[in-house]
Amino acid sequence: MPWRSPPAHAAELLTHWQALGKTLGRDTLAWNAEGSRLIRSWARWPRAYHDTTHLWACLRHLQAVQDHEPGALQDPHAVALALWYHDAIYWPWSAHNEARSAHWATRFLTHQQLPAALVQTVHRHILDTS
């Protein structure tokens, strides 16, 4: 079975992804389709801990930091994107999950014509999670 049905927090996650896209000026079909791909990826076997519940907890923690200390993060959008992609590709026996996830993020975000500095920051943040 490639993924659990339905993934935990799928609706909340998709709403978050779409809101992030609107904030970044990327409210498009391609952006929304990417959110669905990410959620499916986060829900695939053989995940145990690094699943959609983990992603949702990370995003909620980010929101709590922003609510508690507004302005504490230099680029909260880069952090949010890095959280979305940080283990988008996850195989427990692989040492390359972060690099592959960072590559996925870089490809998509570059294709979306987001600023190169943002894309590089997201890439670096993802690699920092290893």
C-alpha atoms as a PDB file:
ATOM      1  CA  MET A   1       0.000   0.000   0.000  1.00  0.00           C
ATOM      2  CA  PRO A   2       1.712   3.233  -1.108  1.00  0.00           C
ATOM      3  CA  TRP A   3      -0.005   5.542   1.423  1.00  0.00           C
ATOM      4  CA  ARG A   4      -2.505   5.507   4.247  1.00  0.00           C
ATOM      5  CA  SER A   5      -5.979   6.667   3.382  1.00  0.00           C
ATOM      6  CA  PRO A   6      -6.671   9.419   4.243  1.00  0.00           C
ATOM      7  CA  PRO A   7      -3.416  10.928   5.473  1.00  0.00           C
ATOM      8  CA  ALA A   8      -3.639  12.515   8.920  1.00  0.00           C
ATOM      9  CA  HIS A   9      -4.224  16.271   8.797  1.00  0.00           C
ATOM     10  CA  ALA A  10      -4.452  16.253   4.981  1.00  0.00           C
ATOM     11  CA  ALA A  11      -7.088  19.003   4.820  1.00  0.00           C
ATOM     12  CA  GLU A  12      -5.228  21.256   7.264  1.00  0.00           C
ATOM     13  CA  LEU A  13      -1.952  20.681   5.462  1.00  0.00           C
ATOM     14  CA  LEU A  14      -3.414  21.457   2.054  1.00  0.00           C
ATOM     15  CA  THR A  15      -4.995  24.646   3.425  1.00  0.00           C
ATOM     16  CA  HIS A  16      -1.610  25.670   4.860  1.00  0.00           C
ATOM     17  CA  TRP A  17       0.164  24.956   1.560  1.00  0.00           C
ATOM     18  CA  GLN A  18      -2.401  26.948  -0.398  1.00  0.00           C
ATOM     19  CA  ALA A  19      -2.150  29.903   2.015  1.00  0.00           C
ATOM     20  CA  LEU A  20       1.639  29.829   1.691  1.00  0.00           C
ATOM     21  CA  GLY A  21       1.259  29.856  -2.084  1.00  0.00           C
ATOM     22  CA  LYS A  22      -1.077  32.862  -1.948  1.00  0.00           C
ATOM     23  CA  THR A  23       1.395  34.708   0.285  1.00  0.00           C
ATOM     24  CA  LEU A  24       4.155  33.986  -2.233  1.00  0.00           C
ATOM     25  CA  GLY A  25       1.950  34.956  -5.183  1.00  0.00           C
ATOM     26  CA  ARG A  26       1.746  31.367  -6.418  1.00  0.00           C
ATOM     27  CA  ASP A  27      -1.959  30.542  -6.233  1.00  0.00           C
ATOM     28  CA  THR A  28      -1.919  28.249  -9.271  1.00  0.00           C
ATOM     29  CA  LEU A  29      -2.986  24.753 -10.237  1.00  0.00           C
ATOM     30  CA  ALA A  30       0.691  23.689 -10.306  1.00  0.00           C
ATOM     31  CA  TRP A  31       1.219  25.014  -6.780  1.00  0.00           C
ATOM     32  CA  ASN A  32      -1.862  23.236  -5.447  1.00  0.00           C
ATOM     33  CA  ALA A  33      -0.927  19.993  -7.238  1.00  0.00           C
ATOM     34  CA  GLU A  34       2.508  20.164  -5.602  1.00  0.00           C
ATOM     35  CA  GLY A  35       0.856  20.431  -2.185  1.00  0.00           C
ATOM     36  CA  SER A  36      -1.108  17.266  -2.889  1.00  0.00           C
ATOM     37  CA  ARG A  37       2.076  15.490  -4.081  1.00  0.00           C
ATOM     38  CA  LEU A  38       3.892  16.509  -0.925  1.00  0.00           C
ATOM     39  CA  ILE A  39       1.079  15.276   1.316  1.00  0.00           C
ATOM     40  CA  ARG A  40       1.002  11.948  -0.517  1.00  0.00           C
ATOM     41  CA  SER A  41       4.756  11.655  -0.176  1.00  0.00           C
ATOM     42  CA  TRP A  42       4.611  12.409   3.551  1.00  0.00           C
ATOM     43  CA  ALA A  43       1.942   9.675   3.911  1.00  0.00           C
ATOM     44  CA  ARG A  44       3.742   6.863   2.048  1.00  0.00           C
ATOM     45  CA  TRP A  45       5.009   3.665   3.556  1.00  0.00           C
ATOM     46  CA  PRO A  46       7.467   3.011   5.306  1.00  0.00           C
ATOM     47  CA  ARG A  47       7.053   6.126   7.400  1.00  0.00           C
ATOM     48  CA  ALA A  48       6.499   5.797  11.091  1.00  0.00           C
ATOM     49  CA  TYR A  49       7.456   9.074  12.771  1.00  0.00           C
ATOM     50  CA  HIS A  50       8.235  11.270   9.759  1.00  0.00           C
ATOM     51  CA  ASP A  51       4.667  11.346   8.463  1.00  0.00           C
ATOM     52  CA  THR A  52       1.924  13.924   7.939  1.00  0.00           C
ATOM     53  CA  THR A  53       1.388  14.198  11.705  1.00  0.00           C
ATOM     54  CA  HIS A  54       5.069  15.150  12.107  1.00  0.00           C
ATOM     55  CA  LEU A  55       4.818  17.717   9.298  1.00  0.00           C
ATOM     56  CA  TRP A  56       1.678  19.227  10.832  1.00  0.00           C
ATOM     57  CA  ALA A  57       3.398  19.424  14.256  1.00  0.00           C
ATOM     58  CA  CYS A  58       6.407  21.184  12.682  1.00  0.00           C
ATOM     59  CA  LEU A  59       4.192  23.736  10.954  1.00  0.00           C
ATOM     60  CA  ARG A  60       2.184  24.345  14.141  1.00  0.00           C
ATOM     61  CA  HIS A  61       5.433  24.868  16.056  1.00  0.00           C
ATOM     62  CA  LEU A  62       6.566  27.392  13.443  1.00  0.00           C
ATOM     63  CA  GLN A  63       3.267  29.258  13.856  1.00  0.00           C
ATOM     64  CA  ALA A  64       3.677  29.253  17.653  1.00  0.00           C
ATOM     65  CA  VAL A  65       7.162  30.759  17.324  1.00  0.00           C
ATOM     66  CA  GLN A  66       5.846  33.437  14.964  1.00  0.00           C
ATOM     67  CA  ASP A  67       2.915  34.201  17.297  1.00  0.00           C
ATOM     68  CA  HIS A  68       5.101  34.323  20.421  1.00  0.00           C
ATOM     69  CA  GLU A  69       8.038  36.245  18.922  1.00  0.00           C
ATOM     70  CA  PRO A  70       6.934  38.157  15.817  1.00  0.00           C
ATOM     71  CA  GLY A  71       9.919  39.026  13.658  1.00  0.00           C
ATOM     72  CA  ALA A  72      12.147  36.410  15.296  1.00  0.00           C
ATOM     73  CA  LEU A  73      12.682  34.636  11.980  1.00  0.00           C
ATOM     74  CA  GLN A  74      14.470  36.352   9.114  1.00  0.00           C
ATOM     75  CA  ASP A  75      12.464  34.531   6.462  1.00  0.00           C
ATOM     76  CA  PRO A  76       9.520  32.562   7.841  1.00  0.00           C
ATOM     77  CA  HIS A  77       8.402  31.606   4.307  1.00  0.00           C
ATOM     78  CA  ALA A  78      11.744  29.897   3.681  1.00  0.00           C
ATOM     79  CA  VAL A  79      11.397  28.072   6.986  1.00  0.00           C
ATOM     80  CA  ALA A  80       7.861  26.960   6.133  1.00  0.00           C
ATOM     81  CA  LEU A  81       8.937  25.711   2.708  1.00  0.00           C
ATOM     82  CA  ALA A  82      11.912  23.899   4.232  1.00  0.00           C
ATOM     83  CA  LEU A  83       9.595  22.191   6.709  1.00  0.00           C
ATOM     84  CA  TRP A  84       7.328  21.059   3.888  1.00  0.00           C
ATOM     85  CA  TYR A  85      10.230  19.542   1.973  1.00  0.00           C
ATOM     86  CA  HIS A  86      12.649  18.514   4.763  1.00  0.00           C
ATOM     87  CA  ASP A  87      11.690  14.847   4.630  1.00  0.00           C
ATOM     88  CA  ALA A  88       9.439  14.829   1.594  1.00  0.00           C
ATOM     89  CA  ILE A  89      11.585  11.953   0.396  1.00  0.00           C
ATOM     90  CA  TYR A  90      12.111   9.550   3.259  1.00  0.00           C
ATOM     91  CA  TRP A  91      13.530   6.045   3.234  1.00  0.00           C
ATOM     92  CA  PRO A  92      14.741   4.958   6.708  1.00  0.00           C
ATOM     93  CA  TRP A  93      17.726   3.081   5.265  1.00  0.00           C
ATOM     94  CA  SER A  94      18.957   5.961   3.080  1.00  0.00           C
ATOM     95  CA  ALA A  95      21.545   8.586   3.980  1.00  0.00           C
ATOM     96  CA  HIS A  96      20.390  10.801   1.097  1.00  0.00           C
ATOM     97  CA  ASN A  97      16.853  11.782   2.142  1.00  0.00           C
ATOM     98  CA  GLU A  98      17.660  15.425   2.852  1.00  0.00           C
ATOM     99  CA  ALA A  99      19.702  15.881  -0.335  1.00  0.00           C
ATOM    100  CA  ARG A 100      16.962  14.332  -2.455  1.00  0.00           C
ATOM    101  CA  SER A 101      14.281  16.374  -0.695  1.00  0.00           C
ATOM    102  CA  ALA A 102      16.330  19.566  -1.148  1.00  0.00           C
ATOM    103  CA  HIS A 103      16.738  18.786  -4.838  1.00  0.00           C
ATOM    104  CA  TRP A 104      12.974  18.279  -5.198  1.00  0.00           C
ATOM    105  CA  ALA A 105      12.316  21.623  -3.481  1.00  0.00           C
ATOM    106  CA  THR A 106      14.898  23.440  -5.581  1.00  0.00           C
ATOM    107  CA  ARG A 107      13.489  22.049  -8.836  1.00  0.00           C
ATOM    108  CA  PHE A 108       9.906  22.960  -8.017  1.00  0.00           C
ATOM    109  CA  LEU A 109      10.556  26.369  -6.456  1.00  0.00           C
ATOM    110  CA  THR A 110      12.862  27.389  -9.302  1.00  0.00           C
ATOM    111  CA  HIS A 111      10.227  26.298 -11.819  1.00  0.00           C
ATOM    112  CA  GLN A 112       7.765  28.481  -9.902  1.00  0.00           C
ATOM    113  CA  GLN A 113      10.134  31.408 -10.542  1.00  0.00           C
ATOM    114  CA  LEU A 114      10.551  32.214  -6.873  1.00  0.00           C
ATOM    115  CA  PRO A 115      13.577  34.386  -6.018  1.00  0.00           C
ATOM    116  CA  ALA A 116      16.893  32.519  -6.204  1.00  0.00           C
ATOM    117  CA  ALA A 117      17.844  33.690  -2.700  1.00  0.00           C
ATOM    118  CA  LEU A 118      14.674  32.133  -1.285  1.00  0.00           C
ATOM    119  CA  VAL A 119      15.275  28.880  -3.155  1.00  0.00           C
ATOM    120  CA  GLN A 120      18.882  28.724  -1.894  1.00  0.00           C
ATOM    121  CA  THR A 121      17.793  29.404   1.683  1.00  0.00           C
ATOM    122  CA  VAL A 122      15.171  26.647   1.520  1.00  0.00           C
ATOM    123  CA  HIS A 123      17.765  24.252   0.076  1.00  0.00           C
ATOM    124  CA  ARG A 124      20.248  25.087   2.857  1.00  0.00           C
ATOM    125  CA  HIS A 125      17.605  24.742   5.596  1.00  0.00           C
ATOM    126  CA  ILE A 126      16.604  21.301   4.310  1.00  0.00           C
ATOM    127  CA  LEU A 127      20.215  20.113   4.273  1.00  0.00           C
ATOM    128  CA  ASP A 128      20.617  21.461   7.832  1.00  0.00           C
ATOM    129  CA  THR A 129      17.978  18.986   9.035  1.00  0.00           C
ATOM    130  CA  SER A 130      20.250  16.003   8.400  1.00  0.00           C
END
